[in-house]
Protein backbone atom coordinates (compact mmCIF):
# COMPACT_ATOMS: atom_id res chain seq x y z
CA UNK A 1 0.00 0.00 0.00
CA UNK A 2 2.73 2.45 0.96
CA UNK A 3 4.63 1.50 -2.18
CA UNK A 4 1.65 2.54 -4.34
CA UNK A 5 1.36 5.86 -2.51
CA UNK A 6 5.00 6.61 -3.24
CA UNK A 7 5.22 5.37 -6.82
CA UNK A 8 1.85 6.54 -8.16
CA UNK A 9 2.82 10.23 -8.37
CA UNK A 10 6.10 9.30 -10.03
CA UNK A 11 4.34 7.09 -12.56
CA UNK A 12 1.89 9.87 -13.33
CA UNK A 13 4.74 12.34 -13.90
CA UNK A 14 6.48 9.84 -16.17
CA UNK A 15 3.32 9.26 -18.21
CA UNK A 16 2.70 13.00 -18.55
CA UNK A 17 6.31 13.51 -19.62
CA UNK A 18 6.03 10.77 -22.23
CA UNK A 19 2.82 12.31 -23.59
CA UNK A 20 4.41 15.77 -23.78
CA UNK A 21 7.43 14.32 -25.61
CA UNK A 22 5.11 12.50 -28.02
CA UNK A 23 3.20 15.71 -28.79
CA UNK A 24 6.41 17.74 -29.22
CA UNK A 25 7.84 15.12 -31.57
CA UNK A 26 4.58 15.10 -33.49
CA UNK A 27 4.74 18.89 -33.93
CA UNK A 28 8.45 18.96 -34.74
CA UNK A 29 8.48 16.00 -37.10
CA UNK A 30 5.03 16.00 -38.68
CA UNK A 31 5.65 16.03 -42.45
CA UNK A 32 2.53 17.99 -43.48
CA UNK A 33 3.23 20.60 -40.80
CA UNK A 34 6.81 21.02 -41.96
CA UNK A 35 5.70 21.28 -45.59
CA UNK A 36 3.16 23.93 -44.67
CA UNK A 37 5.76 25.91 -42.74
CA UNK A 38 8.12 25.75 -45.72
CA UNK A 39 5.38 27.13 -47.98
CA UNK A 40 4.59 29.91 -45.51
CA UNK A 41 8.25 30.76 -45.21
CA UNK A 42 8.64 30.91 -48.99
CA UNK A 43 5.63 33.21 -49.26
CA UNK A 44 6.95 35.51 -46.53
CA UNK A 45 10.27 35.74 -48.34
CA UNK A 46 8.69 36.41 -51.72
CA UNK A 47 6.49 39.12 -50.21
CA UNK A 48 9.63 40.61 -48.66
CA UNK A 49 8.28 40.17 -45.15
CA UNK A 50 11.54 38.60 -44.03
CA UNK A 51 15.12 39.17 -45.18
CA UNK A 52 17.06 36.56 -47.13
CA UNK A 53 19.35 35.59 -44.24
CA UNK A 54 16.37 34.83 -41.97
CA UNK A 55 14.72 32.90 -44.79
CA UNK A 56 17.80 30.75 -45.40
CA UNK A 57 18.30 30.07 -41.70
CA UNK A 58 14.69 28.99 -41.11
CA UNK A 59 14.59 27.03 -44.36
CA UNK A 60 17.68 25.08 -43.34
CA UNK A 61 16.12 24.30 -39.96
CA UNK A 62 12.87 23.12 -41.54
CA UNK A 63 14.69 21.02 -44.13
CA UNK A 64 16.69 19.30 -41.39
CA UNK A 65 13.47 18.57 -39.50
CA UNK A 66 11.94 17.27 -42.74
CA UNK A 67 14.88 14.94 -43.28
CA UNK A 68 14.61 13.60 -39.73
CA UNK A 69 10.85 13.17 -40.12
CA UNK A 70 11.31 11.19 -43.35
CA UNK A 71 13.91 9.03 -41.66
CA UNK A 72 11.55 8.36 -38.73
CA UNK A 73 8.75 7.56 -41.18
CA UNK A 74 10.98 5.03 -42.96
CA UNK A 75 11.97 3.42 -39.65
CA UNK A 76 8.31 3.11 -38.65
CA UNK A 77 7.47 1.63 -42.02
CA UNK A 78 10.29 -0.93 -41.74
CA UNK A 79 9.18 -1.80 -38.21
CA UNK A 80 5.59 -2.33 -39.36
CA UNK A 81 6.64 -4.55 -42.26
CA UNK A 82 8.83 -6.67 -39.97
CA UNK A 83 5.90 -7.23 -37.61
CA UNK A 84 3.75 -8.49 -40.49
CA UNK A 85 6.33 -11.09 -41.50
C-alpha atoms as a PDB file:
ATOM      1  CA  UNK A   1       0.000   0.000   0.000  1.00  0.00           C
ATOM      2  CA  UNK A   2       2.730   2.448   0.956  1.00  0.00           C
ATOM      3  CA  UNK A   3       4.625   1.497  -2.181  1.00  0.00           C
ATOM      4  CA  UNK A   4       1.655   2.537  -4.339  1.00  0.00           C
ATOM      5  CA  UNK A   5       1.361   5.863  -2.508  1.00  0.00           C
ATOM      6  CA  UNK A   6       4.999   6.614  -3.236  1.00  0.00           C
ATOM      7  CA  UNK A   7       5.225   5.369  -6.823  1.00  0.00           C
ATOM      8  CA  UNK A   8       1.846   6.539  -8.157  1.00  0.00           C
ATOM      9  CA  UNK A   9       2.817  10.230  -8.367  1.00  0.00           C
ATOM     10  CA  UNK A  10       6.104   9.300 -10.032  1.00  0.00           C
ATOM     11  CA  UNK A  11       4.339   7.086 -12.560  1.00  0.00           C
ATOM     12  CA  UNK A  12       1.894   9.868 -13.331  1.00  0.00           C
ATOM     13  CA  UNK A  13       4.739  12.341 -13.899  1.00  0.00           C
ATOM     14  CA  UNK A  14       6.482   9.842 -16.173  1.00  0.00           C
ATOM     15  CA  UNK A  15       3.321   9.258 -18.207  1.00  0.00           C
ATOM     16  CA  UNK A  16       2.697  12.999 -18.547  1.00  0.00           C
ATOM     17  CA  UNK A  17       6.313  13.507 -19.625  1.00  0.00           C
ATOM     18  CA  UNK A  18       6.029  10.774 -22.229  1.00  0.00           C
ATOM     19  CA  UNK A  19       2.817  12.309 -23.593  1.00  0.00           C
ATOM     20  CA  UNK A  20       4.415  15.767 -23.785  1.00  0.00           C
ATOM     21  CA  UNK A  21       7.433  14.325 -25.606  1.00  0.00           C
ATOM     22  CA  UNK A  22       5.113  12.503 -28.015  1.00  0.00           C
ATOM     23  CA  UNK A  23       3.201  15.711 -28.788  1.00  0.00           C
ATOM     24  CA  UNK A  24       6.408  17.738 -29.223  1.00  0.00           C
ATOM     25  CA  UNK A  25       7.841  15.122 -31.575  1.00  0.00           C
ATOM     26  CA  UNK A  26       4.578  15.102 -33.493  1.00  0.00           C
ATOM     27  CA  UNK A  27       4.740  18.887 -33.929  1.00  0.00           C
ATOM     28  CA  UNK A  28       8.454  18.957 -34.739  1.00  0.00           C
ATOM     29  CA  UNK A  29       8.483  16.004 -37.103  1.00  0.00           C
ATOM     30  CA  UNK A  30       5.030  15.996 -38.681  1.00  0.00           C
ATOM     31  CA  UNK A  31       5.651  16.025 -42.450  1.00  0.00           C
ATOM     32  CA  UNK A  32       2.525  17.994 -43.485  1.00  0.00           C
ATOM     33  CA  UNK A  33       3.235  20.596 -40.796  1.00  0.00           C
ATOM     34  CA  UNK A  34       6.807  21.017 -41.964  1.00  0.00           C
ATOM     35  CA  UNK A  35       5.701  21.279 -45.585  1.00  0.00           C
ATOM     36  CA  UNK A  36       3.157  23.934 -44.668  1.00  0.00           C
ATOM     37  CA  UNK A  37       5.762  25.910 -42.742  1.00  0.00           C
ATOM     38  CA  UNK A  38       8.122  25.747 -45.722  1.00  0.00           C
ATOM     39  CA  UNK A  39       5.383  27.128 -47.976  1.00  0.00           C
ATOM     40  CA  UNK A  40       4.586  29.907 -45.512  1.00  0.00           C
ATOM     41  CA  UNK A  41       8.254  30.760 -45.205  1.00  0.00           C
ATOM     42  CA  UNK A  42       8.639  30.913 -48.991  1.00  0.00           C
ATOM     43  CA  UNK A  43       5.632  33.212 -49.261  1.00  0.00           C
ATOM     44  CA  UNK A  44       6.952  35.508 -46.530  1.00  0.00           C
ATOM     45  CA  UNK A  45      10.269  35.744 -48.338  1.00  0.00           C
ATOM     46  CA  UNK A  46       8.685  36.410 -51.724  1.00  0.00           C
ATOM     47  CA  UNK A  47       6.490  39.120 -50.211  1.00  0.00           C
ATOM     48  CA  UNK A  48       9.628  40.605 -48.657  1.00  0.00           C
ATOM     49  CA  UNK A  49       8.276  40.174 -45.146  1.00  0.00           C
ATOM     50  CA  UNK A  50      11.540  38.597 -44.030  1.00  0.00           C
ATOM     51  CA  UNK A  51      15.120  39.167 -45.183  1.00  0.00           C
ATOM     52  CA  UNK A  52      17.057  36.555 -47.126  1.00  0.00           C
ATOM     53  CA  UNK A  53      19.348  35.589 -44.238  1.00  0.00           C
ATOM     54  CA  UNK A  54      16.372  34.827 -41.969  1.00  0.00           C
ATOM     55  CA  UNK A  55      14.716  32.903 -44.791  1.00  0.00           C
ATOM     56  CA  UNK A  56      17.796  30.755 -45.403  1.00  0.00           C
ATOM     57  CA  UNK A  57      18.304  30.068 -41.703  1.00  0.00           C
ATOM     58  CA  UNK A  58      14.693  28.986 -41.109  1.00  0.00           C
ATOM     59  CA  UNK A  59      14.586  27.030 -44.360  1.00  0.00           C
ATOM     60  CA  UNK A  60      17.676  25.077 -43.340  1.00  0.00           C
ATOM     61  CA  UNK A  61      16.118  24.299 -39.958  1.00  0.00           C
ATOM     62  CA  UNK A  62      12.874  23.121 -41.538  1.00  0.00           C
ATOM     63  CA  UNK A  63      14.692  21.015 -44.127  1.00  0.00           C
ATOM     64  CA  UNK A  64      16.686  19.303 -41.390  1.00  0.00           C
ATOM     65  CA  UNK A  65      13.472  18.570 -39.497  1.00  0.00           C
ATOM     66  CA  UNK A  66      11.937  17.275 -42.738  1.00  0.00           C
ATOM     67  CA  UNK A  67      14.877  14.945 -43.285  1.00  0.00           C
ATOM     68  CA  UNK A  68      14.610  13.597 -39.726  1.00  0.00           C
ATOM     69  CA  UNK A  69      10.852  13.173 -40.123  1.00  0.00           C
ATOM     70  CA  UNK A  70      11.309  11.194 -43.345  1.00  0.00           C
ATOM     71  CA  UNK A  71      13.912   9.027 -41.657  1.00  0.00           C
ATOM     72  CA  UNK A  72      11.550   8.359 -38.734  1.00  0.00           C
ATOM     73  CA  UNK A  73       8.752   7.559 -41.176  1.00  0.00           C
ATOM     74  CA  UNK A  74      10.977   5.027 -42.964  1.00  0.00           C
ATOM     75  CA  UNK A  75      11.971   3.424 -39.645  1.00  0.00           C
ATOM     76  CA  UNK A  76       8.313   3.109 -38.648  1.00  0.00           C
ATOM     77  CA  UNK A  77       7.473   1.627 -42.023  1.00  0.00           C
ATOM     78  CA  UNK A  78      10.286  -0.928 -41.737  1.00  0.00           C
ATOM     79  CA  UNK A  79       9.182  -1.804 -38.212  1.00  0.00           C
ATOM     80  CA  UNK A  80       5.590  -2.334 -39.360  1.00  0.00           C
ATOM     81  CA  UNK A  81       6.641  -4.552 -42.262  1.00  0.00           C
ATOM     82  CA  UNK A  82       8.830  -6.670 -39.974  1.00  0.00           C
ATOM     83  CA  UNK A  83       5.903  -7.232 -37.607  1.00  0.00           C
ATOM     84  CA  UNK A  84       3.747  -8.494 -40.489  1.00  0.00           C
ATOM     85  CA  UNK A  85       6.327 -11.094 -41.505  1.00  0.00           C
END
